[in-house]
Amino acid sequence: MAKMIHSMIRVLEEARSVAFYETAFGLSVVQKLDFESFALIYMSNAETGFELELTLNKDRTEPYELGDGYGHLAVSVEDVETEHARLTEAGLAPRKIVEFAPAGQFIAKFFFIADPDGYEIEVIERGGRFL
């Protein structure tokens, strides 16, 4: 059976993106592979073996267009309210907390935040299928 190991996103500024993911989600650089025209920066934390790969194309000067095909990354946290307050205090502008309960059945409590390149990240409170 296949094992998910990483997801890749393209970033415009390495330091800005690394700082965002360190502050927002406690990720740290696990490895950086530096080549002449691009770099691959792998980030992770102790919660999971899954990694986020930041790809930096060194000659790129314009922001990437995310198009209409990208959805979002998702992370789970113990307490959505606490994380929302922490990210707000850090100046990272998380959107409002949503309690998703269609037809009165609770499914999830979450909010979204965008990284410096516009990638959406869903922050979901742990519980049910979102552990």
Protein backbone atom coordinates (compact mmCIF):
# COMPACT_ATOMS: atom_id res chain seq x y z
CA MET A 1 0.00 0.00 0.00
CA ALA A 2 1.25 3.51 -0.79
CA LYS A 3 2.30 5.83 2.03
CA MET A 4 1.82 9.60 1.66
CA ILE A 5 5.18 11.28 2.33
CA HIS A 6 4.98 14.92 1.22
CA SER A 7 3.12 17.63 -0.62
CA MET A 8 4.94 20.26 -2.69
CA ILE A 9 4.13 23.93 -3.16
CA ARG A 10 6.07 26.56 -5.09
CA VAL A 11 7.15 29.61 -3.12
CA LEU A 12 8.51 32.97 -4.18
CA GLU A 13 10.64 33.84 -1.12
CA GLU A 14 12.28 31.08 0.92
CA ALA A 15 12.83 32.98 4.18
CA ARG A 16 9.30 34.38 4.23
CA SER A 17 7.72 30.97 3.64
CA VAL A 18 9.96 29.11 6.10
CA ALA A 19 9.19 31.73 8.78
CA PHE A 20 5.43 31.41 8.15
CA TYR A 21 5.39 27.61 8.46
CA GLU A 22 7.67 27.71 11.52
CA THR A 23 5.45 30.27 13.29
CA ALA A 24 2.08 28.96 12.16
CA PHE A 25 2.55 25.20 12.47
CA GLY A 26 5.83 24.52 14.26
CA LEU A 27 7.44 23.05 11.15
CA SER A 28 11.19 23.17 10.85
CA VAL A 29 13.52 22.57 7.96
CA VAL A 30 14.44 18.88 7.85
CA GLN A 31 16.56 19.10 4.72
CA LYS A 32 17.40 21.59 2.00
CA LEU A 33 18.60 20.47 -1.41
CA ASP A 34 20.17 23.45 -3.14
CA PHE A 35 20.72 23.36 -6.90
CA GLU A 36 21.83 26.00 -9.40
CA SER A 37 18.37 27.08 -10.53
CA PHE A 38 16.11 25.81 -7.74
CA ALA A 39 16.02 24.61 -4.15
CA LEU A 40 13.86 22.04 -2.36
CA ILE A 41 13.17 22.75 1.30
CA TYR A 42 11.56 19.93 3.30
CA MET A 43 9.71 20.90 6.48
CA SER A 44 8.10 18.75 9.16
CA ASN A 45 7.51 18.47 12.89
CA ALA A 46 7.35 15.72 15.52
CA GLU A 47 3.58 15.24 15.08
CA THR A 48 3.90 13.39 11.77
CA GLY A 49 6.36 11.99 9.26
CA PHE A 50 4.52 13.81 6.46
CA GLU A 51 6.56 16.67 5.02
CA LEU A 52 5.82 19.91 3.22
CA GLU A 53 8.21 20.48 0.31
CA LEU A 54 8.77 24.13 -0.58
CA THR A 55 10.13 24.49 -4.10
CA LEU A 56 11.98 27.72 -4.79
CA ASN A 57 12.72 28.49 -8.44
CA LYS A 58 15.59 30.95 -8.10
CA ASP A 59 14.90 32.92 -11.28
CA ARG A 60 11.22 33.48 -10.40
CA THR A 61 10.31 37.12 -9.66
CA GLU A 62 6.51 37.11 -10.01
CA PRO A 63 4.05 35.44 -7.63
CA TYR A 64 2.63 32.13 -8.79
CA GLU A 65 -0.94 31.97 -10.04
CA LEU A 66 -2.62 29.24 -8.04
CA GLY A 67 -5.39 28.78 -10.60
CA ASP A 68 -8.68 27.12 -9.87
CA GLY A 69 -7.37 23.60 -9.31
CA TYR A 70 -5.63 24.04 -5.94
CA GLY A 71 -7.71 23.26 -2.88
CA HIS A 72 -5.90 23.41 0.45
CA LEU A 73 -3.59 21.73 2.91
CA ALA A 74 -5.04 20.72 6.28
CA VAL A 75 -3.55 20.40 9.75
CA SER A 76 -5.20 19.28 12.97
CA VAL A 77 -4.74 20.95 16.36
CA GLU A 78 -5.90 20.17 19.90
CA ASP A 79 -7.73 23.47 20.40
CA VAL A 80 -8.82 25.60 17.45
CA GLU A 81 -9.66 28.63 19.64
CA THR A 82 -6.16 28.69 21.19
CA GLU A 83 -4.45 28.32 17.80
CA HIS A 84 -6.65 31.01 16.26
CA ALA A 85 -5.72 33.42 19.07
CA ARG A 86 -2.01 32.56 18.78
CA LEU A 87 -1.96 33.08 15.01
CA THR A 88 -3.90 36.33 15.34
CA GLU A 89 -1.41 37.60 17.92
CA ALA A 90 1.44 36.61 15.58
CA GLY A 91 -0.10 38.86 12.90
CA LEU A 92 -0.88 35.99 10.52
CA ALA A 93 -4.56 36.94 9.98
CA PRO A 94 -6.48 33.67 10.31
CA ARG A 95 -10.09 33.85 9.09
CA LYS A 96 -13.06 33.30 11.37
CA ILE A 97 -13.69 30.02 13.15
CA VAL A 98 -16.45 27.92 11.61
CA GLU A 99 -18.46 25.17 13.23
CA PHE A 100 -19.50 22.98 10.32
CA ALA A 101 -22.76 21.25 11.20
CA PRO A 102 -24.99 20.74 8.16
CA ALA A 103 -28.52 19.67 9.08
CA GLY A 104 -27.54 20.08 12.74
CA GLN A 105 -24.95 17.28 12.72
CA PHE A 106 -21.54 18.50 13.92
CA ILE A 107 -18.70 17.51 11.58
CA ALA A 108 -15.82 19.86 12.33
CA LYS A 109 -14.63 23.11 13.89
CA PHE A 110 -12.02 24.91 11.80
CA PHE A 111 -10.64 28.08 10.26
CA PHE A 112 -8.55 28.87 7.21
CA ILE A 113 -5.33 30.84 6.95
CA ALA A 114 -3.32 31.74 3.84
CA ASP A 115 0.45 31.48 3.60
CA PRO A 116 2.57 34.29 2.05
CA ASP A 117 2.10 32.82 -1.45
CA GLY A 118 -1.69 32.52 -1.11
CA TYR A 119 -1.90 28.80 -0.41
CA GLU A 120 -4.87 28.01 1.82
CA ILE A 121 -4.41 25.94 4.97
CA GLU A 122 -7.34 24.56 6.94
CA VAL A 123 -6.76 24.31 10.68
CA ILE A 124 -9.15 21.70 12.12
CA GLU A 125 -9.76 20.86 15.76
CA ARG A 126 -8.86 17.22 16.48
CA GLY A 127 -11.79 14.90 16.88
CA GLY A 128 -13.89 12.41 14.91
CA ARG A 129 -12.12 11.62 11.67
CA PHE A 130 -9.75 14.57 12.07
CA LEU A 131 -7.21 13.26 14.58
